[in-house]
Structure formats: structure tokens, C-alpha cells
Amino acid sequence: MSDSYLTSVIKQFEYYKSLGDKTMHQLNFDEIQKEFVEDSNSIAIIVKHMAGNMLSRWTNFLTEDGEKEWRQRDLEFVDAFETVDDVFNYWEKGWQCLFEAIKPLKTSQLEDIVFIRNQGHTITEAINRQLAHYAYHVGQMVFIGKLIKGKSWNSLSIPKGKSSDYNKTKFSQEKARRHFTDDL
């Protein structure tokens, strides 16, 4: 596993951040705030929850519990954003906190124990937990964006009907070790 684990998870976090970025850039502020049914989560609310989670989990994560006393999780599900810039700024603040916490990590630390709500996790387990959590929510953001934009949605993956073209391009390249996000 050595250094490849940390390199891979950083690239995967960057990938999911980019999917969220690309989704929100296709939408206006009203669309980012759109709730399809009462008490469903808009993209704005998902951003608020994700960034709140990131700030709690990754601030001093080696020395403090990941569920901070100052976190107000229930308020993360109330949209109080006033502008699209507020949404993007909070999104960036959460991701910056995450990357500042994990980029300096060393392989030798991966078995160290950190706590989330007094439950011990190896650093590897804590990273995997958050990677899965954020992928889940970014998937929701992308799905909501696709619902809102309909036929005007710009695909963030292989567009329908284009798998053969995509594979042809990939198989025309020499075999080489690379991360799936390198070409995105």
C-alpha cells in the first residue's frame, strides 16, 4: 500500500471535488438552491453539510475528535446562503481544510488512531469513511444537477452512446500505470 494509498485518495478527493465544481458551474443560484420536495436537500444544503462535516472532521484531526463541539450539524440542513459566491466559498473552505490535513500525512501514520464521536479509527479507516461519505453526497449533487438541466446537461462522465468512442481512445494508448483521474 505504501505511498500509493495516500496519492490515490488525494486524487480521488480531488476528483469528487471536481465533479461538484463542474455540477455547480452548470447551474445558477436558484438552481443550486432548488429543493424538489419539502425537506429534500438542495445542492446548496448538500454543500453546507459537506463543508461543515469537512471542517469538523479535518480540523486538528490528529489530536481532536472529528465531531467538534462547535459543529452545529442540524443547521447544515438549513440554507442560509445569500449568493452563489457564498456557496462556492464555503465549499472551497471545506475542501481546503481536508487537503491541508491529508496532504502532509506520511504512510507511517496510517495505522495511528483518530476518533470520531469517541469511536477509534485508523487514519486509513477515517479517510475511507470520509471518502465514501463525500462521494455519496457529490453523486446526489450531480444527480440533482442532471434533473435540473435535462437535455442541456454537460455530461461529467462518458456520455450515453459514447462508450465505444471512449474505449477506442483508451485502448489506442500504450499500457501504462496511471490514475483514472489523470486524463480528466
N, C-alpha and C. Protein backbone atom coordinates (compact mmCIF):
# COMPACT_ATOMS: atom_id res chain seq x y z
N MET A 1 0.85 -1.19 0.00
CA MET A 1 0.00 0.00 0.00
C MET A 1 0.88 1.24 0.00
N SER A 2 1.85 1.30 0.84
CA SER A 2 2.83 2.38 0.96
C SER A 2 2.29 3.74 0.53
N ASP A 3 3.07 4.46 -0.25
CA ASP A 3 2.70 5.82 -0.63
C ASP A 3 1.57 5.87 -1.65
N SER A 4 1.32 4.77 -2.34
CA SER A 4 0.29 4.79 -3.38
C SER A 4 -1.10 5.04 -2.80
N TYR A 5 -1.35 4.59 -1.56
CA TYR A 5 -2.66 4.82 -0.95
C TYR A 5 -2.93 6.31 -0.79
N LEU A 6 -2.00 7.03 -0.19
CA LEU A 6 -2.21 8.46 0.04
C LEU A 6 -2.33 9.22 -1.29
N THR A 7 -1.49 8.88 -2.24
CA THR A 7 -1.57 9.52 -3.56
C THR A 7 -2.93 9.26 -4.19
N SER A 8 -3.41 8.02 -4.10
CA SER A 8 -4.68 7.66 -4.70
C SER A 8 -5.85 8.36 -4.02
N VAL A 9 -5.89 8.38 -2.70
CA VAL A 9 -7.05 9.01 -2.04
C VAL A 9 -7.07 10.51 -2.26
N ILE A 10 -5.91 11.13 -2.31
CA ILE A 10 -5.88 12.57 -2.59
C ILE A 10 -6.44 12.83 -3.99
N LYS A 11 -6.02 12.02 -4.96
CA LYS A 11 -6.55 12.18 -6.32
C LYS A 11 -8.06 11.91 -6.36
N GLN A 12 -8.52 10.95 -5.58
CA GLN A 12 -9.96 10.67 -5.58
C GLN A 12 -10.74 11.78 -4.92
N PHE A 13 -10.23 12.34 -3.81
CA PHE A 13 -10.90 13.51 -3.22
C PHE A 13 -10.94 14.65 -4.24
N GLU A 14 -9.82 14.89 -4.94
CA GLU A 14 -9.78 15.94 -5.95
C GLU A 14 -10.79 15.68 -7.06
N TYR A 15 -10.93 14.42 -7.44
CA TYR A 15 -11.89 14.04 -8.47
C TYR A 15 -13.33 14.36 -8.03
N TYR A 16 -13.70 13.96 -6.82
CA TYR A 16 -15.07 14.23 -6.37
C TYR A 16 -15.30 15.72 -6.18
N LYS A 17 -14.30 16.44 -5.74
CA LYS A 17 -14.44 17.90 -5.66
C LYS A 17 -14.70 18.46 -7.06
N SER A 18 -13.96 17.98 -8.06
CA SER A 18 -14.13 18.49 -9.42
C SER A 18 -15.52 18.19 -9.96
N LEU A 19 -16.09 17.02 -9.62
CA LEU A 19 -17.46 16.72 -10.06
C LEU A 19 -18.45 17.71 -9.44
N GLY A 20 -18.26 18.02 -8.17
CA GLY A 20 -19.11 19.03 -7.54
C GLY A 20 -18.94 20.39 -8.17
N ASP A 21 -17.68 20.77 -8.42
CA ASP A 21 -17.39 22.05 -9.07
C ASP A 21 -18.08 22.13 -10.43
N LYS A 22 -17.90 21.09 -11.24
CA LYS A 22 -18.44 21.09 -12.61
C LYS A 22 -19.96 21.07 -12.60
N THR A 23 -20.54 20.45 -11.60
CA THR A 23 -22.00 20.47 -11.47
C THR A 23 -22.48 21.88 -11.17
N MET A 24 -21.91 22.48 -10.13
CA MET A 24 -22.39 23.81 -9.72
C MET A 24 -22.14 24.86 -10.79
N HIS A 25 -21.06 24.72 -11.57
CA HIS A 25 -20.78 25.69 -12.61
C HIS A 25 -21.80 25.64 -13.75
N GLN A 26 -22.57 24.57 -13.84
CA GLN A 26 -23.62 24.48 -14.86
C GLN A 26 -24.94 25.10 -14.39
N LEU A 27 -24.99 25.53 -13.14
CA LEU A 27 -26.26 25.96 -12.54
C LEU A 27 -26.19 27.41 -12.08
N ASN A 28 -27.35 28.05 -12.04
CA ASN A 28 -27.42 29.38 -11.45
C ASN A 28 -27.79 29.24 -9.96
N PHE A 29 -27.82 30.33 -9.25
CA PHE A 29 -28.05 30.30 -7.81
C PHE A 29 -29.40 29.68 -7.46
N ASP A 30 -30.44 30.06 -8.19
CA ASP A 30 -31.77 29.48 -7.92
C ASP A 30 -31.76 27.97 -8.11
N GLU A 31 -31.06 27.50 -9.13
CA GLU A 31 -30.99 26.06 -9.37
C GLU A 31 -30.19 25.35 -8.28
N ILE A 32 -29.14 25.98 -7.80
CA ILE A 32 -28.34 25.40 -6.71
C ILE A 32 -29.17 25.29 -5.43
N GLN A 33 -30.13 26.18 -5.26
CA GLN A 33 -30.98 26.17 -4.07
C GLN A 33 -32.27 25.36 -4.25
N LYS A 34 -32.49 24.80 -5.41
CA LYS A 34 -33.76 24.11 -5.70
C LYS A 34 -33.91 22.83 -4.88
N GLU A 35 -35.06 22.75 -4.19
CA GLU A 35 -35.46 21.52 -3.50
C GLU A 35 -36.64 20.95 -4.27
N PHE A 36 -36.57 19.68 -4.60
CA PHE A 36 -37.63 19.07 -5.40
C PHE A 36 -38.88 18.79 -4.59
N VAL A 37 -38.73 18.43 -3.35
CA VAL A 37 -39.86 18.23 -2.44
C VAL A 37 -39.45 18.80 -1.08
N GLU A 38 -40.43 19.10 -0.27
CA GLU A 38 -40.17 19.66 1.06
C GLU A 38 -39.25 18.72 1.84
N ASP A 39 -38.28 19.32 2.50
CA ASP A 39 -37.29 18.59 3.31
C ASP A 39 -36.33 17.74 2.51
N SER A 40 -36.28 17.93 1.19
CA SER A 40 -35.20 17.29 0.43
C SER A 40 -34.00 18.23 0.46
N ASN A 41 -32.88 17.72 0.10
CA ASN A 41 -31.67 18.55 0.13
C ASN A 41 -31.38 19.15 -1.23
N SER A 42 -31.25 20.45 -1.27
CA SER A 42 -30.79 21.13 -2.47
C SER A 42 -29.27 20.94 -2.55
N ILE A 43 -28.70 21.32 -3.67
CA ILE A 43 -27.24 21.29 -3.79
C ILE A 43 -26.62 22.22 -2.75
N ALA A 44 -27.24 23.37 -2.52
CA ALA A 44 -26.72 24.30 -1.51
C ALA A 44 -26.66 23.65 -0.13
N ILE A 45 -27.70 22.92 0.22
CA ILE A 45 -27.72 22.26 1.53
C ILE A 45 -26.67 21.15 1.58
N ILE A 46 -26.53 20.41 0.50
CA ILE A 46 -25.51 19.36 0.47
C ILE A 46 -24.12 19.98 0.65
N VAL A 47 -23.88 21.10 -0.02
CA VAL A 47 -22.59 21.80 0.13
C VAL A 47 -22.40 22.22 1.58
N LYS A 48 -23.44 22.78 2.18
CA LYS A 48 -23.32 23.26 3.56
C LYS A 48 -23.02 22.09 4.50
N HIS A 49 -23.69 20.96 4.30
CA HIS A 49 -23.45 19.78 5.13
C HIS A 49 -22.04 19.23 4.90
N MET A 50 -21.65 19.08 3.64
CA MET A 50 -20.33 18.53 3.36
C MET A 50 -19.21 19.41 3.93
N ALA A 51 -19.31 20.70 3.70
CA ALA A 51 -18.26 21.60 4.20
C ALA A 51 -18.25 21.63 5.72
N GLY A 52 -19.43 21.61 6.34
CA GLY A 52 -19.49 21.55 7.80
C GLY A 52 -18.86 20.28 8.32
N ASN A 53 -19.12 19.17 7.66
CA ASN A 53 -18.52 17.90 8.03
C ASN A 53 -17.00 17.95 7.86
N MET A 54 -16.54 18.49 6.75
CA MET A 54 -15.10 18.58 6.49
C MET A 54 -14.40 19.42 7.54
N LEU A 55 -15.00 20.55 7.86
CA LEU A 55 -14.37 21.43 8.86
C LEU A 55 -14.30 20.73 10.22
N SER A 56 -15.34 19.99 10.56
CA SER A 56 -15.34 19.28 11.82
C SER A 56 -14.36 18.11 11.81
N ARG A 57 -14.41 17.30 10.78
CA ARG A 57 -13.58 16.09 10.73
C ARG A 57 -12.09 16.38 10.59
N TRP A 58 -11.74 17.39 9.78
CA TRP A 58 -10.34 17.55 9.40
C TRP A 58 -9.60 18.64 10.16
N THR A 59 -10.30 19.48 10.93
CA THR A 59 -9.61 20.47 11.77
C THR A 59 -8.96 19.73 12.93
N ASN A 60 -7.65 19.83 13.03
CA ASN A 60 -6.88 19.18 14.10
C ASN A 60 -7.25 17.69 14.24
N PHE A 61 -7.43 17.01 13.12
CA PHE A 61 -7.97 15.66 13.17
C PHE A 61 -7.04 14.65 13.82
N LEU A 62 -5.75 14.95 13.90
CA LEU A 62 -4.82 14.01 14.55
C LEU A 62 -4.88 14.11 16.07
N THR A 63 -5.40 15.23 16.58
CA THR A 63 -5.35 15.46 18.03
C THR A 63 -6.69 15.70 18.68
N GLU A 64 -7.75 15.92 17.89
CA GLU A 64 -9.07 16.20 18.45
C GLU A 64 -10.10 15.27 17.83
N ASP A 65 -11.19 15.01 18.54
CA ASP A 65 -12.27 14.21 17.99
C ASP A 65 -12.81 14.89 16.73
N GLY A 66 -13.18 14.09 15.74
CA GLY A 66 -13.68 14.61 14.47
C GLY A 66 -15.05 15.23 14.55
N GLU A 67 -15.77 15.01 15.63
CA GLU A 67 -17.06 15.67 15.81
C GLU A 67 -16.84 16.79 16.82
N LYS A 68 -16.61 17.99 16.31
CA LYS A 68 -16.25 19.12 17.17
C LYS A 68 -17.46 19.63 17.95
N GLU A 69 -17.19 20.15 19.15
CA GLU A 69 -18.26 20.72 19.98
C GLU A 69 -18.91 21.92 19.31
N TRP A 70 -18.15 22.64 18.50
CA TRP A 70 -18.68 23.84 17.85
C TRP A 70 -19.50 23.55 16.61
N ARG A 71 -19.48 22.31 16.13
CA ARG A 71 -20.26 21.98 14.93
C ARG A 71 -21.75 22.01 15.27
N GLN A 72 -22.53 22.61 14.39
CA GLN A 72 -23.99 22.65 14.53
C GLN A 72 -24.59 21.92 13.33
N ARG A 73 -24.52 20.60 13.38
CA ARG A 73 -24.90 19.76 12.25
C ARG A 73 -26.33 20.01 11.78
N ASP A 74 -27.26 20.16 12.70
CA ASP A 74 -28.66 20.37 12.29
C ASP A 74 -28.82 21.63 11.45
N LEU A 75 -28.02 22.66 11.72
CA LEU A 75 -28.11 23.90 10.93
C LEU A 75 -27.51 23.74 9.54
N GLU A 76 -26.74 22.68 9.33
CA GLU A 76 -26.20 22.43 8.00
C GLU A 76 -27.31 22.12 6.99
N PHE A 77 -28.49 21.78 7.49
CA PHE A 77 -29.61 21.43 6.62
C PHE A 77 -30.61 22.56 6.48
N VAL A 78 -30.14 23.78 6.79
CA VAL A 78 -30.93 24.99 6.59
C VAL A 78 -30.12 25.88 5.65
N ASP A 79 -30.68 26.19 4.50
CA ASP A 79 -29.97 27.00 3.51
C ASP A 79 -30.01 28.46 3.92
N ALA A 80 -28.85 28.98 4.31
CA ALA A 80 -28.75 30.39 4.68
C ALA A 80 -27.83 31.16 3.73
N PHE A 81 -27.48 30.54 2.60
CA PHE A 81 -26.61 31.21 1.64
C PHE A 81 -27.37 32.36 0.98
N GLU A 82 -26.67 33.49 0.81
CA GLU A 82 -27.29 34.65 0.19
C GLU A 82 -26.88 34.86 -1.26
N THR A 83 -25.74 34.29 -1.64
CA THR A 83 -25.26 34.44 -3.02
C THR A 83 -24.60 33.13 -3.46
N VAL A 84 -24.42 33.00 -4.75
CA VAL A 84 -23.72 31.84 -5.28
C VAL A 84 -22.27 31.84 -4.82
N ASP A 85 -21.68 33.03 -4.65
CA ASP A 85 -20.31 33.11 -4.15
C ASP A 85 -20.22 32.56 -2.73
N ASP A 86 -21.25 32.77 -1.91
CA ASP A 86 -21.26 32.21 -0.56
C ASP A 86 -21.19 30.68 -0.61
N VAL A 87 -21.92 30.09 -1.54
CA VAL A 87 -21.93 28.63 -1.69
C VAL A 87 -20.54 28.15 -2.07
N PHE A 88 -19.97 28.75 -3.11
CA PHE A 88 -18.65 28.33 -3.59
C PHE A 88 -17.57 28.57 -2.54
N ASN A 89 -17.64 29.68 -1.84
CA ASN A 89 -16.62 29.98 -0.82
C ASN A 89 -16.65 28.96 0.32
N TYR A 90 -17.85 28.57 0.75
CA TYR A 90 -17.95 27.59 1.84
C TYR A 90 -17.48 26.21 1.36
N TRP A 91 -17.85 25.85 0.15
CA TRP A 91 -17.40 24.61 -0.49
C TRP A 91 -15.87 24.57 -0.50
N GLU A 92 -15.24 25.64 -0.95
CA GLU A 92 -13.78 25.71 -1.01
C GLU A 92 -13.15 25.65 0.38
N LYS A 93 -13.77 26.29 1.34
CA LYS A 93 -13.25 26.29 2.71
C LYS A 93 -13.20 24.86 3.27
N GLY A 94 -14.24 24.09 3.04
CA GLY A 94 -14.26 22.70 3.50
C GLY A 94 -13.18 21.87 2.83
N TRP A 95 -13.07 21.97 1.52
CA TRP A 95 -12.07 21.19 0.78
C TRP A 95 -10.65 21.62 1.16
N GLN A 96 -10.44 22.90 1.37
CA GLN A 96 -9.11 23.37 1.76
C GLN A 96 -8.71 22.75 3.10
N CYS A 97 -9.64 22.69 4.03
CA CYS A 97 -9.37 22.09 5.34
C CYS A 97 -8.98 20.62 5.18
N LEU A 98 -9.73 19.90 4.35
CA LEU A 98 -9.43 18.48 4.10
C LEU A 98 -8.03 18.32 3.52
N PHE A 99 -7.73 19.04 2.45
CA PHE A 99 -6.44 18.86 1.78
C PHE A 99 -5.27 19.29 2.67
N GLU A 100 -5.46 20.33 3.46
CA GLU A 100 -4.39 20.74 4.39
C GLU A 100 -4.13 19.68 5.44
N ALA A 101 -5.14 18.87 5.75
CA ALA A 101 -4.98 17.82 6.76
C ALA A 101 -4.35 16.55 6.17
N ILE A 102 -4.74 16.17 4.96
CA ILE A 102 -4.26 14.87 4.47
C ILE A 102 -3.00 14.94 3.61
N LYS A 103 -2.76 16.05 2.94
CA LYS A 103 -1.57 16.10 2.07
C LYS A 103 -0.25 15.94 2.82
N PRO A 104 -0.13 16.42 4.05
CA PRO A 104 1.15 16.23 4.76
C PRO A 104 1.31 14.83 5.40
N LEU A 105 0.27 14.00 5.36
CA LEU A 105 0.35 12.70 6.02
C LEU A 105 1.46 11.84 5.43
N LYS A 106 2.02 11.00 6.29
CA LYS A 106 3.04 10.04 5.90
C LYS A 106 2.46 8.64 6.04
N THR A 107 2.94 7.73 5.23
CA THR A 107 2.48 6.35 5.27
C THR A 107 2.60 5.77 6.68
N SER A 108 3.62 6.16 7.40
CA SER A 108 3.84 5.63 8.75
C SER A 108 2.73 6.02 9.73
N GLN A 109 1.91 6.99 9.38
CA GLN A 109 0.83 7.43 10.25
C GLN A 109 -0.49 6.71 10.00
N LEU A 110 -0.60 5.95 8.93
CA LEU A 110 -1.89 5.41 8.51
C LEU A 110 -2.55 4.47 9.51
N GLU A 111 -1.76 3.86 10.39
CA GLU A 111 -2.33 2.98 11.41
C GLU A 111 -2.55 3.69 12.74
N ASP A 112 -2.19 4.98 12.83
CA ASP A 112 -2.47 5.76 14.04
C ASP A 112 -3.98 5.85 14.22
N ILE A 113 -4.39 6.02 15.46
CA ILE A 113 -5.82 6.08 15.79
C ILE A 113 -6.27 7.53 15.94
N VAL A 114 -7.40 7.84 15.29
CA VAL A 114 -8.10 9.11 15.47
C VAL A 114 -9.52 8.76 15.88
N PHE A 115 -10.22 9.74 16.42
CA PHE A 115 -11.57 9.48 16.94
C PHE A 115 -12.62 10.33 16.23
N ILE A 116 -13.77 9.71 16.02
CA ILE A 116 -14.96 10.40 15.54
C ILE A 116 -16.08 9.97 16.47
N ARG A 117 -16.59 10.94 17.24
CA ARG A 117 -17.62 10.66 18.26
C ARG A 117 -17.16 9.57 19.23
N ASN A 118 -15.91 9.66 19.65
CA ASN A 118 -15.28 8.73 20.59
C ASN A 118 -15.06 7.34 20.03
N GLN A 119 -15.30 7.13 18.76
CA GLN A 119 -15.06 5.84 18.13
C GLN A 119 -13.71 5.89 17.42
N GLY A 120 -12.81 4.98 17.83
CA GLY A 120 -11.47 4.97 17.25
C GLY A 120 -11.45 4.42 15.84
N HIS A 121 -10.68 5.08 14.98
CA HIS A 121 -10.47 4.66 13.59
C HIS A 121 -8.98 4.77 13.31
N THR A 122 -8.43 3.84 12.52
CA THR A 122 -7.11 4.13 11.99
C THR A 122 -7.27 5.31 11.05
N ILE A 123 -6.19 5.99 10.76
CA ILE A 123 -6.29 7.10 9.82
C ILE A 123 -6.79 6.60 8.47
N THR A 124 -6.36 5.40 8.06
CA THR A 124 -6.87 4.82 6.82
C THR A 124 -8.38 4.66 6.88
N GLU A 125 -8.89 4.13 7.97
CA GLU A 125 -10.34 3.96 8.11
C GLU A 125 -11.08 5.29 8.10
N ALA A 126 -10.52 6.29 8.77
CA ALA A 126 -11.15 7.61 8.82
C ALA A 126 -11.18 8.23 7.42
N ILE A 127 -10.09 8.10 6.68
CA ILE A 127 -10.05 8.63 5.32
C ILE A 127 -11.09 7.90 4.45
N ASN A 128 -11.10 6.58 4.53
CA ASN A 128 -12.06 5.81 3.72
C ASN A 128 -13.50 6.17 4.07
N ARG A 129 -13.77 6.35 5.35
CA ARG A 129 -15.12 6.73 5.79
C ARG A 129 -15.54 8.04 5.13
N GLN A 130 -14.66 9.02 5.16
CA GLN A 130 -15.00 10.33 4.61
C GLN A 130 -15.03 10.32 3.09
N LEU A 131 -14.15 9.56 2.45
CA LEU A 131 -14.17 9.47 1.00
C LEU A 131 -15.51 8.91 0.52
N ALA A 132 -15.98 7.87 1.18
CA ALA A 132 -17.27 7.28 0.82
C ALA A 132 -18.42 8.27 1.08
N HIS A 133 -18.36 8.96 2.21
CA HIS A 133 -19.40 9.93 2.56
C HIS A 133 -19.47 11.05 1.52
N TYR A 134 -18.32 11.58 1.15
CA TYR A 134 -18.32 12.70 0.20
C TYR A 134 -18.71 12.24 -1.20
N ALA A 135 -18.29 11.04 -1.61
CA ALA A 135 -18.70 10.52 -2.92
C ALA A 135 -20.21 10.36 -2.97
N TYR A 136 -20.79 9.88 -1.90
CA TYR A 136 -22.25 9.71 -1.80
C TYR A 136 -22.96 11.05 -2.05
N HIS A 137 -22.49 12.09 -1.36
CA HIS A 137 -23.16 13.39 -1.49
C HIS A 137 -22.86 14.07 -2.83
N VAL A 138 -21.65 13.93 -3.34
CA VAL A 138 -21.36 14.51 -4.66
C VAL A 138 -22.23 13.83 -5.72
N GLY A 139 -22.43 12.52 -5.59
CA GLY A 139 -23.34 11.83 -6.50
C GLY A 139 -24.74 12.41 -6.46
N GLN A 140 -25.19 12.78 -5.26
CA GLN A 140 -26.50 13.42 -5.14
C GLN A 140 -26.50 14.77 -5.87
N MET A 141 -25.42 15.53 -5.70
CA MET A 141 -25.33 16.83 -6.36
C MET A 141 -25.41 16.68 -7.88
N VAL A 142 -24.65 15.73 -8.41
CA VAL A 142 -24.64 15.50 -9.85
C VAL A 142 -26.03 15.09 -10.33
N PHE A 143 -26.66 14.20 -9.60
CA PHE A 143 -28.00 13.74 -10.00
C PHE A 143 -28.99 14.89 -10.00
N ILE A 144 -28.96 15.73 -8.97
CA ILE A 144 -29.85 16.89 -8.91
C ILE A 144 -29.56 17.82 -10.09
N GLY A 145 -28.28 18.07 -10.35
CA GLY A 145 -27.91 18.93 -11.48
C GLY A 145 -28.44 18.39 -12.80
N LYS A 146 -28.33 17.08 -13.00
CA LYS A 146 -28.84 16.46 -14.23
C LYS A 146 -30.36 16.61 -14.33
N LEU A 147 -31.05 16.44 -13.20
CA LEU A 147 -32.51 16.61 -13.21
C LEU A 147 -32.89 18.04 -13.58
N ILE A 148 -32.17 18.98 -13.04
CA ILE A 148 -32.48 20.39 -13.30
C ILE A 148 -32.20 20.77 -14.76
N LYS A 149 -31.06 20.36 -15.27
CA LYS A 149 -30.64 20.80 -16.61
C LYS A 149 -31.24 19.97 -17.74
N GLY A 150 -31.62 18.75 -17.46
CA GLY A 150 -32.21 17.92 -18.52
C GLY A 150 -31.28 17.75 -19.70
N LYS A 151 -31.81 17.99 -20.89
CA LYS A 151 -31.03 17.79 -22.11
C LYS A 151 -29.87 18.77 -22.25
N SER A 152 -29.88 19.86 -21.51
CA SER A 152 -28.77 20.82 -21.61
C SER A 152 -27.62 20.50 -20.64
N TRP A 153 -27.73 19.38 -19.93
CA TRP A 153 -26.67 18.95 -19.02
C TRP A 153 -25.42 18.56 -19.81
N ASN A 154 -24.27 19.04 -19.37
CA ASN A 154 -22.98 18.64 -19.93
C ASN A 154 -22.46 17.47 -19.10
N SER A 155 -22.38 16.31 -19.72
CA SER A 155 -22.01 15.09 -19.01
C SER A 155 -20.65 15.22 -18.34
N LEU A 156 -20.54 14.64 -17.15
CA LEU A 156 -19.29 14.65 -16.39
C LEU A 156 -18.57 13.30 -16.48
N SER A 157 -19.14 12.40 -17.23
CA SER A 157 -18.53 11.09 -17.43
C SER A 157 -18.68 10.72 -18.90
N ILE A 158 -18.65 9.46 -19.20
CA ILE A 158 -18.82 9.02 -20.60
C ILE A 158 -20.28 9.23 -20.98
N PRO A 159 -20.57 10.09 -21.94
CA PRO A 159 -21.96 10.34 -22.32
C PRO A 159 -22.62 9.08 -22.87
N LYS A 160 -23.92 9.01 -22.71
CA LYS A 160 -24.68 7.88 -23.27
C LYS A 160 -24.39 7.75 -24.75
N GLY A 161 -24.19 6.52 -25.17
CA GLY A 161 -23.94 6.25 -26.58
C GLY A 161 -22.51 6.49 -27.03
N LYS A 162 -21.64 6.88 -26.12
CA LYS A 162 -20.26 7.22 -26.49
C LYS A 162 -19.22 6.26 -25.88
N SER A 163 -19.67 5.15 -25.31
CA SER A 163 -18.74 4.21 -24.67
C SER A 163 -17.72 3.64 -25.66
N SER A 164 -18.17 3.29 -26.85
CA SER A 164 -17.24 2.73 -27.85
C SER A 164 -16.17 3.72 -28.23
N ASP A 165 -16.55 4.98 -28.44
CA ASP A 165 -15.57 6.01 -28.78
C ASP A 165 -14.56 6.19 -27.64
N TYR A 166 -15.07 6.22 -26.42
CA TYR A 166 -14.21 6.39 -25.25
C TYR A 166 -13.22 5.23 -25.15
N ASN A 167 -13.73 4.01 -25.26
CA ASN A 167 -12.86 2.84 -25.16
C ASN A 167 -11.84 2.80 -26.30
N LYS A 168 -12.25 3.19 -27.49
CA LYS A 168 -11.33 3.21 -28.63
C LYS A 168 -10.14 4.13 -28.33
N THR A 169 -10.44 5.30 -27.78
CA THR A 169 -9.38 6.24 -27.43
C THR A 169 -8.47 5.64 -26.36
N LYS A 170 -9.05 5.06 -25.33
CA LYS A 170 -8.25 4.49 -24.24
C LYS A 170 -7.37 3.34 -24.72
N PHE A 171 -7.94 2.46 -25.54
CA PHE A 171 -7.18 1.30 -26.00
C PHE A 171 -6.18 1.64 -27.10
N SER A 172 -6.25 2.85 -27.64
CA SER A 172 -5.25 3.28 -28.63
C SER A 172 -3.97 3.77 -27.95
N GLN A 173 -4.03 3.94 -26.64
CA GLN A 173 -2.86 4.39 -25.87
C GLN A 173 -2.04 3.19 -25.41
N GLU A 174 -0.77 3.42 -25.21
CA GLU A 174 0.10 2.39 -24.67
C GLU A 174 -0.32 2.04 -23.25
N LYS A 175 -0.13 0.79 -22.87
CA LYS A 175 -0.38 0.40 -21.49
C LYS A 175 0.61 1.13 -20.61
N ALA A 176 0.10 1.67 -19.52
CA ALA A 176 0.95 2.39 -18.58
C ALA A 176 0.22 2.50 -17.26
N ARG A 177 0.98 2.61 -16.20
CA ARG A 177 0.38 2.81 -14.88
C ARG A 177 0.03 4.28 -14.75
N ARG A 178 -1.24 4.55 -14.51
CA ARG A 178 -1.69 5.92 -14.28
C ARG A 178 -3.01 5.86 -13.51
N HIS A 179 -3.33 6.94 -12.89
CA HIS A 179 -4.59 7.02 -12.13
C HIS A 179 -5.71 7.39 -13.08
N PHE A 180 -6.88 6.86 -12.83
CA PHE A 180 -8.01 7.11 -13.75
C PHE A 180 -8.36 8.58 -13.87
N THR A 181 -7.96 9.40 -12.91
CA THR A 181 -8.29 10.82 -12.96
C THR A 181 -7.26 11.64 -13.73
N ASP A 182 -6.15 11.03 -14.10
CA ASP A 182 -5.07 11.79 -14.76
C ASP A 182 -5.49 12.46 -16.06
N ASP A 183 -6.43 11.86 -16.77
CA ASP A 183 -6.84 12.40 -18.07
C ASP A 183 -8.07 13.30 -18.00
N LEU A 184 -8.57 13.56 -16.80
CA LEU A 184 -9.81 14.33 -16.67
C LEU A 184 -9.54 15.81 -16.62
